[in-house]
Amino acid sequence: MLSDRRTPDADDTVSLAAGPVITRPDAEVTVVLPFLRGATASSPPAWLPWSGWSRRNRLLLAALLATALAGAVALIAGWPPAALERLVGAAPTPTPSVGPEPAPGPVLAALAQPPAAAPTAAGVNAALAPVLASTGLGTAVGVSVVDVATGAELYDAAGDRAYIPASTTKLVTAATVLATRGPSYRLRTTAVAGVRPGEVVLVGGGDPTLAAGAVGAYAGAARLDRLAAQVSRSLGGVRPSRVVLDVSLFAGEQQGPGWDAGIVAGGHVAPITALMTDGGRLRPRQGSPAARHTAPDLAAGRRFAQLIGAPPTVVTGTAPAPPVPAPGNPVPAPGSPFAAPAPGTLLGAVASPPMQRLVDIMLADSDNVLAEALARQVALARDQPASYAGASSAMDAVLTELGLPADESGLVDGSGLSRSNALTPTLLTDLVALIASGRTPALSGLFNGLPVAGWSGTLEDRFRAPSGAGRAGLGVVRAKTGTLSGVSAMAGVVTTADGRLLAFSLLANDTTLPPYEAPAALDAVAAALARCGCR
């Protein structure tokens, strides 16, 4: 086959007969001119029309024809390969020289080896006891370690005692929302026609990742400006008279029980509402902590009104949007030739990234706003009010459905910001082991977002000290961390030196370590498991 750009070889020559050739180097195509064979011969055959011409005239004719054909070749050489094939036929495909197939080697050879010897409780105790004694985490410390392959409990130090879990709570939120909504579920923000002509109702769908515009806080987020463009098209360019907000999807208080005073003002979370943009941030590209709107729903509504050309008259706390009407004739808008949509008519909709992606972001970044929004999705999936109390009740119910002891859970929020939360280390370890076992496929994707030691998320800058006690955990620990003043926590999985996968959790309350020392102490414990065969 002819090629536009490659090293010429024998297959680049279209040979029709022997004779003079014309070559266009840049096209790498050679064409033979067989009908001029006699033009340079000393004794041309008598049957040729120019056999009686003088040699000079024959050479002149050859030159003229060669020039014309060179132009034709230049044109043809620029044709696509398929067109050239139709003109002259495809060049023969060379038959590659292939030797005998080598004998295939083992695939995933490591799996063909004898499995690593099972760790023992005595081995884990020997690895952890000296580390825990020297960490300075305090006396209120609970630790649990389980062998994922067998489910055997390998270590339990006050593991059945309830502790403040901080952000390890997000493991429960992640597992329960994936179990109820599934990994492909999306959160929809919509706009519908209001009860009065010219009124647009912006309906919050509980998506805190919704971006106000092209620059957003979350990659791949739905965009408010695109929703506004849909609405403007649906209204035929008629300027709306008013924007009304429907934030009724979420119920109850906007701040969680047991949150530290000033936690919202400090930028670690926003007031939780069913409508907000960029996690309530004032500046989308700012991480956490970040300055947040005190009324995120109102801020989003005003931005939406600006985008659709409506007056900044936005009402919050209204009744839910009218239901989508049955097909019928729309009601004309007074003084406008445009026929206003019937109340409840859908004017536009945008959808969040899939639930799996939202869970990834929540875990990797320990995003508190997103965690509270997803906890409310668990409540909605179980027909509970989308409030702090409803979400907590629903998450306990789902833990029971997963075969886990819900009586070891006493959550009041989905983010772990509350000091009223309570979880046992054994519950967290059992949950992590269940996820890692693969027995519940809907939960398997949870590990996608878990931070990796020294590599990603909240563990990106940890386990890296060249001479630190946590160095052995680099790259082999995947875990969710948790931090409040006086509280340090970590729960996840670790691969031991023998290649055994262990689930672990460590909850320390009432620690007096400085903030920069507590994480290193937790890392040392996880690294001790990574170093050992624990046999």
Protein backbone atom coordinates (compact mmCIF):
# COMPACT_ATOMS: atom_id res chain seq x y z
CA MET A 1 0.00 0.00 0.00
CA LEU A 2 1.21 3.54 -0.73
CA SER A 3 2.03 5.76 2.19
CA ASP A 4 2.27 9.54 2.39
CA ARG A 5 5.16 9.68 4.83
CA ARG A 6 7.48 6.72 5.36
CA THR A 7 10.83 5.38 4.16
CA PRO A 8 10.53 4.13 0.58
CA ASP A 9 10.97 0.47 -0.12
CA ALA A 10 10.21 -1.92 -2.93
CA ASP A 11 6.49 -1.71 -2.23
CA ASP A 12 6.43 2.02 -2.94
CA THR A 13 6.95 1.42 -6.70
CA VAL A 14 3.91 0.99 -8.92
CA SER A 15 5.49 -0.97 -11.79
CA LEU A 16 3.57 -1.14 -15.06
CA ALA A 17 6.45 -2.13 -17.34
CA ALA A 18 10.12 -1.50 -17.83
CA GLY A 19 11.09 1.96 -19.09
CA PRO A 20 11.93 5.54 -18.06
CA VAL A 21 10.70 6.58 -14.63
CA ILE A 22 9.56 9.79 -12.98
CA THR A 23 10.06 10.10 -9.25
CA ARG A 24 8.67 12.72 -6.88
CA PRO A 25 10.95 12.51 -3.89
CA ASP A 26 8.72 14.29 -1.39
CA ALA A 27 5.83 11.97 -2.19
CA GLU A 28 8.04 8.90 -2.28
CA VAL A 29 6.20 7.52 -5.31
CA THR A 30 7.84 6.17 -8.45
CA VAL A 31 5.90 5.72 -11.70
CA VAL A 32 7.29 3.93 -14.77
CA LEU A 33 6.53 5.31 -18.27
CA PRO A 34 6.40 2.21 -20.45
CA PHE A 35 4.96 3.81 -23.58
CA LEU A 36 8.10 5.97 -23.99
CA ARG A 37 10.32 2.94 -24.13
CA GLY A 38 11.17 3.64 -27.74
CA ALA A 39 11.95 7.31 -27.15
CA THR A 40 15.52 6.62 -26.13
CA ALA A 41 16.10 3.36 -27.99
CA SER A 42 18.57 3.42 -30.85
CA SER A 43 16.36 1.20 -33.00
CA PRO A 44 12.69 1.78 -32.15
CA PRO A 45 10.21 -0.90 -33.23
CA ALA A 46 8.50 -0.16 -36.53
CA TRP A 47 5.05 -0.41 -35.02
CA LEU A 48 5.55 2.72 -32.92
CA PRO A 49 3.95 5.88 -34.45
CA TRP A 50 7.21 7.83 -34.08
CA SER A 51 9.41 5.09 -35.51
CA GLY A 52 10.12 7.21 -38.61
CA TRP A 53 10.92 10.36 -36.63
CA SER A 54 14.40 11.63 -36.14
CA ARG A 55 16.10 10.89 -32.84
CA ARG A 56 15.95 14.60 -31.93
CA ASN A 57 12.15 14.74 -32.43
CA ARG A 58 11.67 11.56 -30.44
CA LEU A 59 13.68 12.96 -27.57
CA LEU A 60 11.69 16.23 -27.70
CA LEU A 61 8.41 14.27 -27.53
CA ALA A 62 9.74 12.23 -24.62
CA ALA A 63 10.67 15.39 -22.73
CA LEU A 64 7.23 16.95 -23.31
CA LEU A 65 5.40 13.80 -22.22
CA ALA A 66 7.68 13.39 -19.24
CA THR A 67 6.95 16.96 -18.11
CA ALA A 68 3.19 16.42 -18.45
CA LEU A 69 3.31 13.12 -16.65
CA ALA A 70 5.46 14.55 -13.89
CA GLY A 71 2.69 17.06 -13.22
CA ALA A 72 0.13 14.26 -13.21
CA VAL A 73 2.25 12.20 -10.83
CA ALA A 74 2.63 15.19 -8.54
CA LEU A 75 -1.15 15.49 -8.45
CA ILE A 76 -1.74 11.76 -7.97
CA ALA A 77 0.91 11.50 -5.27
CA GLY A 78 -1.11 13.85 -3.11
CA TRP A 79 -4.18 11.63 -3.33
CA PRO A 80 -5.18 9.50 -0.34
CA PRO A 81 -3.81 5.95 -0.41
CA ALA A 82 -7.28 4.51 -1.00
CA ALA A 83 -7.68 6.62 -4.17
CA LEU A 84 -4.33 5.48 -5.53
CA GLU A 85 -5.29 1.88 -4.86
CA ARG A 86 -8.44 2.30 -6.90
CA LEU A 87 -6.39 3.78 -9.77
CA VAL A 88 -3.55 1.28 -10.00
CA GLY A 89 -4.44 -1.48 -7.59
CA ALA A 90 -3.08 -2.02 -4.12
CA ALA A 91 0.58 -2.81 -3.73
CA PRO A 92 1.12 -6.36 -2.65
CA THR A 93 1.28 -6.80 1.09
CA PRO A 94 4.57 -8.32 2.11
CA THR A 95 4.37 -11.52 4.04
CA PRO A 96 6.22 -11.06 7.30
CA SER A 97 8.74 -13.60 8.30
CA VAL A 98 7.55 -15.03 11.57
CA GLY A 99 9.41 -17.56 13.61
CA PRO A 100 7.75 -20.11 15.83
CA GLU A 101 5.76 -18.71 18.74
CA PRO A 102 7.76 -18.80 21.97
CA ALA A 103 6.35 -20.78 24.83
CA PRO A 104 4.13 -18.38 26.87
CA GLY A 105 5.39 -17.43 30.28
CA PRO A 106 3.25 -17.33 33.40
CA VAL A 107 0.75 -14.48 33.70
CA LEU A 108 0.76 -12.78 37.10
CA ALA A 109 3.51 -15.13 38.13
CA ALA A 110 3.32 -13.97 41.73
CA LEU A 111 -0.12 -15.52 42.04
CA ALA A 112 1.32 -18.89 41.06
CA GLN A 113 3.70 -18.83 44.00
CA PRO A 114 2.72 -20.25 47.39
CA PRO A 115 0.73 -17.62 49.29
CA ALA A 116 2.49 -15.67 52.00
CA ALA A 117 2.38 -17.30 55.38
CA ALA A 118 -0.50 -15.98 57.44
CA PRO A 119 0.48 -13.40 60.03
CA THR A 120 -0.17 -14.25 63.65
CA ALA A 121 -1.55 -12.26 66.53
CA ALA A 122 1.76 -12.73 68.36
CA GLY A 123 3.68 -11.39 65.39
CA VAL A 124 1.49 -8.30 65.09
CA ASN A 125 1.73 -7.67 68.82
CA ALA A 126 5.52 -7.88 68.66
CA ALA A 127 5.53 -5.31 65.84
CA LEU A 128 3.06 -2.83 67.33
CA ALA A 129 3.57 -2.93 71.10
CA PRO A 130 6.90 -1.06 71.20
CA VAL A 131 5.77 1.49 68.62
CA LEU A 132 2.51 2.26 70.41
CA ALA A 133 4.38 2.60 73.70
CA SER A 134 6.66 5.26 72.25
CA THR A 135 4.33 7.32 70.06
CA GLY A 136 3.07 9.65 72.77
CA LEU A 137 -0.49 9.38 71.45
CA GLY A 138 -1.78 9.17 75.02
CA THR A 139 -3.79 6.59 76.93
CA ALA A 140 -7.11 6.92 75.07
CA VAL A 141 -5.98 4.88 72.05
CA GLY A 142 -7.88 2.13 70.28
CA VAL A 143 -6.28 -0.13 67.68
CA SER A 144 -7.68 -2.96 65.55
CA VAL A 145 -5.94 -5.09 62.90
CA VAL A 146 -7.54 -7.80 60.73
CA ASP A 147 -6.14 -10.14 58.08
CA VAL A 148 -8.23 -9.37 54.98
CA ALA A 149 -7.73 -12.84 53.45
CA THR A 150 -9.03 -14.78 56.45
CA GLY A 151 -10.92 -12.19 58.48
CA ALA A 152 -8.87 -13.20 61.51
CA GLU A 153 -8.47 -10.58 64.22
CA LEU A 154 -4.75 -10.02 64.75
CA TYR A 155 -4.69 -7.14 67.21
CA ASP A 156 -7.25 -5.51 69.46
CA ALA A 157 -6.38 -2.81 71.96
CA ALA A 158 -9.62 -1.36 73.31
CA GLY A 159 -11.02 -1.93 69.84
CA ASP A 160 -14.62 -2.20 71.02
CA ARG A 161 -14.53 1.13 72.82
CA ALA A 162 -16.20 4.14 71.16
CA TYR A 163 -13.90 7.00 70.13
CA ILE A 164 -14.28 10.31 68.36
CA PRO A 165 -13.38 9.22 64.81
CA ALA A 166 -12.85 12.64 63.17
CA SER A 167 -12.69 12.30 59.37
CA THR A 168 -12.41 8.50 59.37
CA THR A 169 -16.21 8.93 59.58
CA LYS A 170 -16.06 9.55 55.83
CA LEU A 171 -15.35 5.84 55.30
CA VAL A 172 -18.84 5.09 56.64
CA THR A 173 -20.33 7.88 54.51
CA ALA A 174 -18.56 6.60 51.39
CA ALA A 175 -19.57 2.97 51.90
CA THR A 176 -23.21 3.68 52.69
CA VAL A 177 -23.76 6.09 49.80
CA LEU A 178 -22.17 3.68 47.32
CA ALA A 179 -24.30 0.87 48.73
CA THR A 180 -27.51 2.86 48.35
CA ARG A 181 -27.02 5.12 45.33
CA GLY A 182 -24.50 3.06 43.38
CA PRO A 183 -21.36 4.31 41.64
CA SER A 184 -23.09 5.77 38.55
CA TYR A 185 -25.73 7.89 40.31
CA ARG A 186 -25.63 11.64 39.56
CA LEU A 187 -27.02 14.68 41.38
CA ARG A 188 -29.23 16.91 39.21
CA THR A 189 -29.69 20.65 39.51
CA THR A 190 -32.75 21.82 37.58
CA ALA A 191 -34.76 24.90 36.70
CA VAL A 192 -38.52 24.86 36.17
CA ALA A 193 -41.21 27.39 35.32
CA GLY A 194 -42.74 29.04 38.37
CA VAL A 195 -46.41 29.46 39.23
CA ARG A 196 -46.45 32.99 37.84
CA PRO A 197 -45.59 33.88 34.25
CA GLY A 198 -41.96 34.94 33.92
CA GLU A 199 -40.92 33.23 37.16
CA VAL A 200 -38.09 30.69 37.14
CA VAL A 201 -37.53 28.29 40.02
CA LEU A 202 -33.96 27.10 40.59
CA VAL A 203 -34.17 23.69 42.26
CA GLY A 204 -31.22 22.59 44.35
CA GLY A 205 -30.37 18.92 43.86
CA GLY A 206 -27.85 18.63 46.66
CA ASP A 207 -24.79 18.94 44.41
CA PRO A 208 -22.13 21.02 46.20
CA THR A 209 -19.69 20.56 43.31
CA LEU A 210 -21.86 22.64 40.94
CA ALA A 211 -19.58 25.28 39.39
CA ALA A 212 -20.67 28.87 38.95
CA GLY A 213 -18.81 29.10 35.63
CA ALA A 214 -15.94 27.74 33.59
CA VAL A 215 -13.53 27.98 36.53
CA GLY A 216 -14.71 25.62 39.25
CA ALA A 217 -13.48 24.00 42.43
CA TYR A 218 -14.18 20.45 41.23
CA ALA A 219 -13.00 18.86 37.98
CA GLY A 220 -15.80 17.79 35.66
CA ALA A 221 -18.51 19.50 37.68
CA ALA A 222 -21.88 20.56 36.32
CA ARG A 223 -22.04 24.29 35.57
CA LEU A 224 -24.56 26.91 36.56
CA ASP A 225 -23.82 29.02 33.49
CA ARG A 226 -24.72 26.10 31.22
CA LEU A 227 -27.96 25.59 33.10
CA ALA A 228 -28.71 29.29 32.63
CA ALA A 229 -28.08 28.99 28.88
CA GLN A 230 -30.60 26.14 28.68
CA VAL A 231 -33.18 28.21 30.52
CA SER A 232 -32.69 31.19 28.24
CA ARG A 233 -33.23 28.98 25.19
CA SER A 234 -36.33 27.41 26.74
CA LEU A 235 -37.77 30.86 27.38
CA GLY A 236 -37.16 31.96 23.81
CA GLY A 237 -34.99 34.85 24.90
CA VAL A 238 -37.72 36.42 27.05
CA ARG A 239 -36.25 37.96 30.17
CA PRO A 240 -37.58 36.31 33.35
CA SER A 241 -39.24 38.51 35.91
CA ARG A 242 -38.02 36.71 39.00
CA VAL A 243 -35.92 33.80 40.27
CA VAL A 244 -37.21 31.70 43.15
CA LEU A 245 -35.06 29.16 45.00
CA ASP A 246 -36.25 25.71 45.97
CA VAL A 247 -33.85 24.34 48.58
CA SER A 248 -36.36 22.01 50.18
CA LEU A 249 -34.46 18.81 49.36
CA PHE A 250 -32.41 19.19 52.56
CA ALA A 251 -34.04 19.62 55.94
CA GLY A 252 -33.01 20.74 59.39
CA GLU A 253 -30.08 22.84 60.55
CA GLN A 254 -27.31 23.92 58.23
CA GLN A 255 -24.53 23.39 60.79
CA GLY A 256 -23.91 20.08 62.49
CA PRO A 257 -24.38 19.25 66.16
CA GLY A 258 -21.14 19.18 68.07
CA TRP A 259 -19.16 21.23 65.57
CA ASP A 260 -16.46 23.40 67.11
CA ALA A 261 -17.31 27.08 67.34
CA GLY A 262 -15.93 28.97 64.36
CA ILE A 263 -15.51 25.88 62.19
CA VAL A 264 -17.56 27.45 59.39
CA ALA A 265 -15.88 30.83 59.75
CA GLY A 266 -12.54 29.04 59.61
CA GLY A 267 -13.32 27.83 56.10
CA HIS A 268 -13.30 24.07 56.73
CA VAL A 269 -16.97 23.70 55.79
CA ALA A 270 -19.90 25.77 54.54
CA PRO A 271 -23.47 25.87 55.80
CA ILE A 272 -25.02 22.75 54.28
CA THR A 273 -27.81 23.52 51.80
CA ALA A 274 -29.27 21.74 48.77
CA LEU A 275 -28.02 24.53 46.49
CA MET A 276 -24.53 25.98 46.35
CA THR A 277 -21.68 26.44 43.92
CA ASP A 278 -18.06 25.34 44.35
CA GLY A 279 -18.63 23.95 47.83
CA GLY A 280 -19.76 27.39 48.97
CA ARG A 281 -16.37 28.94 48.26
CA LEU A 282 -15.98 32.63 47.54
CA ARG A 283 -13.02 31.82 45.25
CA PRO A 284 -13.47 28.49 43.46
CA ARG A 285 -9.79 27.63 43.05
CA GLN A 286 -8.97 28.02 46.74
CA GLY A 287 -8.51 24.72 48.57
CA SER A 288 -9.50 24.04 52.16
CA PRO A 289 -9.68 25.93 54.39
CA ALA A 290 -11.29 28.53 52.15
CA ALA A 291 -13.50 31.55 52.69
CA ARG A 292 -17.13 30.45 52.24
CA HIS A 293 -20.46 32.16 51.66
CA THR A 294 -22.55 32.50 54.79
CA ALA A 295 -25.65 31.83 52.64
CA PRO A 296 -24.43 29.63 49.77
CA ASP A 297 -27.91 29.08 48.34
CA LEU A 298 -28.64 32.80 48.11
CA ALA A 299 -25.25 33.44 46.49
CA ALA A 300 -25.93 30.75 43.88
CA GLY A 301 -29.42 32.15 43.21
CA ARG A 302 -28.13 35.67 42.65
CA ARG A 303 -25.48 34.41 40.26
CA PHE A 304 -28.09 32.42 38.35
CA ALA A 305 -30.38 35.46 38.09
CA GLN A 306 -27.51 37.47 36.67
CA LEU A 307 -26.78 34.76 34.10
CA ILE A 308 -30.36 34.62 32.77
CA GLY A 309 -30.86 38.38 32.83
CA ALA A 310 -33.39 38.43 35.66
CA PRO A 311 -33.56 41.06 38.39
CA PRO A 312 -31.61 40.02 41.49
CA THR A 313 -34.86 39.30 43.32
CA VAL A 314 -34.23 35.86 44.78
CA VAL A 315 -36.43 34.25 47.39
CA THR A 316 -35.21 31.49 49.71
CA GLY A 317 -37.20 29.22 51.97
CA THR A 318 -40.07 28.91 49.52
CA ALA A 319 -42.40 25.99 49.01
CA PRO A 320 -41.13 23.27 46.66
CA ALA A 321 -41.31 23.92 42.94
CA PRO A 322 -44.60 23.05 41.28
CA PRO A 323 -44.79 19.53 39.86
CA VAL A 324 -44.12 18.93 36.20
CA PRO A 325 -47.47 19.45 34.43
CA ALA A 326 -49.29 17.05 32.22
CA PRO A 327 -49.10 17.87 28.51
CA GLY A 328 -51.35 20.76 27.63
CA ASN A 329 -51.49 24.31 26.38
CA PRO A 330 -49.08 26.73 28.07
CA VAL A 331 -50.40 29.87 29.72
CA PRO A 332 -49.62 33.06 27.75
CA ALA A 333 -47.52 35.62 29.57
CA PRO A 334 -49.36 38.95 29.86
CA GLY A 335 -47.95 41.59 27.52
CA SER A 336 -45.64 39.12 25.80
CA PRO A 337 -46.07 37.29 22.52
CA PHE A 338 -44.16 34.39 24.03
CA ALA A 339 -46.28 31.59 25.46
CA ALA A 340 -45.05 31.07 29.01
CA PRO A 341 -44.41 27.47 30.00
CA ALA A 342 -46.88 25.88 32.35
CA PRO A 343 -45.86 25.87 36.03
CA GLY A 344 -43.41 23.08 36.72
CA THR A 345 -42.22 22.74 33.12
CA LEU A 346 -38.59 21.72 33.04
CA LEU A 347 -36.49 24.52 31.56
CA GLY A 348 -33.04 23.05 32.04
CA ALA A 349 -30.99 20.48 33.96
CA VAL A 350 -27.34 19.69 34.63
CA ALA A 351 -25.86 16.66 36.38
CA SER A 352 -22.89 16.12 38.66
CA PRO A 353 -20.06 13.68 38.01
CA PRO A 354 -20.97 10.07 38.89
CA MET A 355 -21.23 9.13 42.56
CA GLN A 356 -18.00 7.16 42.35
CA ARG A 357 -16.13 10.31 41.35
CA LEU A 358 -17.77 12.32 44.15
CA VAL A 359 -16.72 9.67 46.67
CA ASP A 360 -13.17 9.75 45.30
CA ILE A 361 -12.98 13.51 45.80
CA MET A 362 -14.49 13.35 49.27
CA LEU A 363 -11.99 10.75 50.47
CA ALA A 364 -8.88 12.09 48.75
CA ASP A 365 -9.40 15.69 49.84
CA SER A 366 -11.37 14.96 53.02
CA ASP A 367 -14.01 17.33 51.69
CA ASN A 368 -16.42 18.09 54.54
CA VAL A 369 -19.11 19.81 52.46
CA LEU A 370 -19.25 16.96 49.99
CA ALA A 371 -19.36 14.43 52.82
CA GLU A 372 -22.43 16.05 54.36
CA ALA A 373 -24.16 16.22 50.98
CA LEU A 374 -23.50 12.52 50.32
CA ALA A 375 -24.68 11.50 53.79
CA ARG A 376 -28.01 13.15 52.96
CA GLN A 377 -28.20 11.05 49.80
CA VAL A 378 -28.15 7.97 52.03
CA ALA A 379 -31.08 9.45 53.95
CA LEU A 380 -33.02 10.15 50.75
CA ALA A 381 -32.34 6.64 49.46
CA ARG A 382 -33.82 5.21 52.67
CA ASP A 383 -36.81 7.59 52.76
CA GLN A 384 -35.44 9.53 55.71
CA PRO A 385 -35.37 13.35 56.03
CA ALA A 386 -32.23 14.73 54.42
CA SER A 387 -30.99 16.20 57.70
CA TYR A 388 -28.16 15.41 60.08
CA ALA A 389 -30.40 13.13 62.14
CA GLY A 390 -31.97 11.49 59.08
CA ALA A 391 -28.59 10.83 57.49
CA SER A 392 -27.15 9.33 60.67
CA SER A 393 -30.14 7.03 61.12
CA ALA A 394 -30.00 5.93 57.48
CA MET A 395 -26.25 5.22 57.59
CA ASP A 396 -26.72 3.01 60.67
CA ALA A 397 -29.46 1.11 58.83
CA VAL A 398 -27.20 0.52 55.83
CA LEU A 399 -24.35 -0.67 58.06
CA THR A 400 -26.74 -3.31 59.40
CA GLU A 401 -27.67 -4.29 55.84
CA LEU A 402 -23.95 -4.76 55.14
CA GLY A 403 -23.68 -7.15 58.08
CA LEU A 404 -21.77 -4.75 60.30
CA PRO A 405 -22.56 -3.95 63.96
CA ALA A 406 -24.46 -0.66 63.80
CA ASP A 407 -24.56 -0.61 67.60
CA GLU A 408 -20.86 0.30 67.43
CA SER A 409 -21.75 3.45 65.47
CA GLY A 410 -23.00 6.66 67.01
CA LEU A 411 -22.70 9.23 64.25
CA VAL A 412 -24.38 12.63 64.17
CA ASP A 413 -22.88 13.91 60.91
CA GLY A 414 -21.30 12.56 57.74
CA SER A 415 -18.02 14.48 57.74
CA GLY A 416 -16.57 13.70 61.16
CA LEU A 417 -16.40 17.34 62.21
CA SER A 418 -18.60 16.71 65.24
CA ARG A 419 -17.12 15.77 68.57
CA SER A 420 -20.41 14.01 69.29
CA ASN A 421 -19.57 11.30 66.76
CA ALA A 422 -18.54 7.88 68.04
CA LEU A 423 -17.16 4.81 66.26
CA THR A 424 -15.23 1.78 67.46
CA PRO A 425 -11.93 0.80 65.86
CA THR A 426 -13.31 -2.71 65.24
CA LEU A 427 -16.24 -1.36 63.25
CA LEU A 428 -13.92 0.65 61.04
CA THR A 429 -11.58 -2.29 60.53
CA ASP A 430 -14.46 -4.65 59.76
CA LEU A 431 -15.78 -2.12 57.22
CA VAL A 432 -12.39 -1.73 55.52
CA ALA A 433 -11.91 -5.51 55.44
CA LEU A 434 -15.36 -5.97 53.89
CA ILE A 435 -14.58 -3.44 51.18
CA ALA A 436 -11.16 -4.98 50.49
CA SER A 437 -12.58 -8.51 50.32
CA GLY A 438 -14.58 -7.75 47.16
CA ARG A 439 -17.66 -9.51 48.56
CA THR A 440 -19.74 -6.36 47.99
CA PRO A 441 -18.99 -5.19 44.43
CA ALA A 442 -20.73 -1.83 44.82
CA LEU A 443 -18.15 -0.88 47.46
CA SER A 444 -15.04 -1.99 45.57
CA GLY A 445 -14.46 1.42 44.02
CA LEU A 446 -14.09 3.04 47.41
CA PHE A 447 -10.35 2.36 47.40
CA ASN A 448 -9.94 4.54 44.28
CA GLY A 449 -10.14 7.65 46.41
CA LEU A 450 -8.27 6.47 49.48
CA PRO A 451 -5.04 8.46 49.86
CA VAL A 452 -1.79 6.57 49.21
CA ALA A 453 1.11 7.10 51.58
CA GLY A 454 3.54 9.66 50.18
CA TRP A 455 1.63 9.84 46.93
CA SER A 456 -1.90 11.28 46.97
CA GLY A 457 -4.64 13.07 48.85
CA THR A 458 -4.17 13.85 52.51
CA LEU A 459 -1.23 11.40 52.68
CA GLU A 460 0.70 13.01 49.84
CA ASP A 461 3.21 14.70 52.13
CA ARG A 462 3.39 11.97 54.76
CA PHE A 463 5.60 8.88 55.24
CA ARG A 464 8.34 10.65 53.25
CA ALA A 465 10.96 11.58 55.84
CA PRO A 466 14.13 9.69 54.75
CA SER A 467 14.98 8.65 58.30
CA GLY A 468 11.45 8.74 59.70
CA ALA A 469 9.72 5.82 61.39
CA GLY A 470 6.97 5.96 58.77
CA ARG A 471 9.22 5.47 55.74
CA ALA A 472 8.38 1.76 55.40
CA GLY A 473 4.75 2.62 54.73
CA LEU A 474 5.56 4.69 51.64
CA GLY A 475 3.32 3.54 48.81
CA VAL A 476 1.93 0.49 50.65
CA VAL A 477 -0.47 2.22 53.03
CA ARG A 478 -3.86 3.40 51.74
CA ALA A 479 -5.89 5.07 54.45
CA LYS A 480 -8.31 7.77 55.51
CA THR A 481 -6.99 10.13 58.13
CA GLY A 482 -8.81 12.20 60.71
CA THR A 483 -7.74 15.20 62.75
CA LEU A 484 -9.40 17.46 65.29
CA SER A 485 -7.64 19.22 68.13
CA GLY A 486 -6.73 16.43 70.54
CA VAL A 487 -7.97 13.76 68.12
CA SER A 488 -5.86 11.79 65.62
CA ALA A 489 -7.10 8.86 63.56
CA MET A 490 -6.26 6.62 60.61
CA ALA A 491 -8.03 3.65 59.05
CA GLY A 492 -7.29 1.72 55.87
CA VAL A 493 -5.17 -1.11 54.50
CA VAL A 494 -1.46 -1.90 54.47
CA THR A 495 0.56 -4.48 52.55
CA THR A 496 3.12 -6.21 54.74
CA ALA A 497 6.67 -7.11 53.79
CA ASP A 498 5.41 -10.62 52.97
CA GLY A 499 2.70 -9.28 50.66
CA ARG A 500 -0.19 -9.86 53.07
CA LEU A 501 -3.04 -7.32 53.06
CA LEU A 502 -4.11 -6.13 56.50
CA ALA A 503 -6.99 -3.84 57.45
CA PHE A 504 -6.29 -1.55 60.39
CA SER A 505 -7.72 1.35 62.34
CA LEU A 506 -6.19 3.56 64.99
CA LEU A 507 -8.20 6.14 66.93
CA ALA A 508 -6.46 8.37 69.48
CA ASN A 509 -8.46 10.77 71.63
CA ASP A 510 -7.15 13.24 74.18
CA THR A 511 -3.69 13.28 72.66
CA THR A 512 -1.49 16.18 73.69
CA LEU A 513 0.94 15.89 70.77
CA PRO A 514 1.52 19.06 68.73
CA PRO A 515 -0.35 19.04 65.39
CA TYR A 516 2.80 18.30 63.40
CA GLU A 517 3.80 15.33 65.61
CA ALA A 518 0.49 13.44 65.79
CA PRO A 519 0.41 12.46 62.09
CA ALA A 520 4.00 11.14 62.30
CA ALA A 521 3.02 9.00 65.29
CA LEU A 522 0.15 7.43 63.32
CA ASP A 523 2.44 6.88 60.33
CA ALA A 524 4.90 5.01 62.55
CA VAL A 525 2.20 2.56 63.61
CA ALA A 526 1.10 1.84 60.03
CA ALA A 527 4.74 1.53 58.92
CA ALA A 528 5.39 -1.04 61.66
CA LEU A 529 2.77 -3.26 60.00
CA ALA A 530 4.31 -2.64 56.59
CA ARG A 531 7.77 -3.74 57.77
CA CYS A 532 6.75 -6.97 59.39
CA GLY A 533 5.78 -10.42 58.20
CA CYS A 534 4.07 -10.58 61.59
CA ARG A 535 4.45 -14.36 61.89
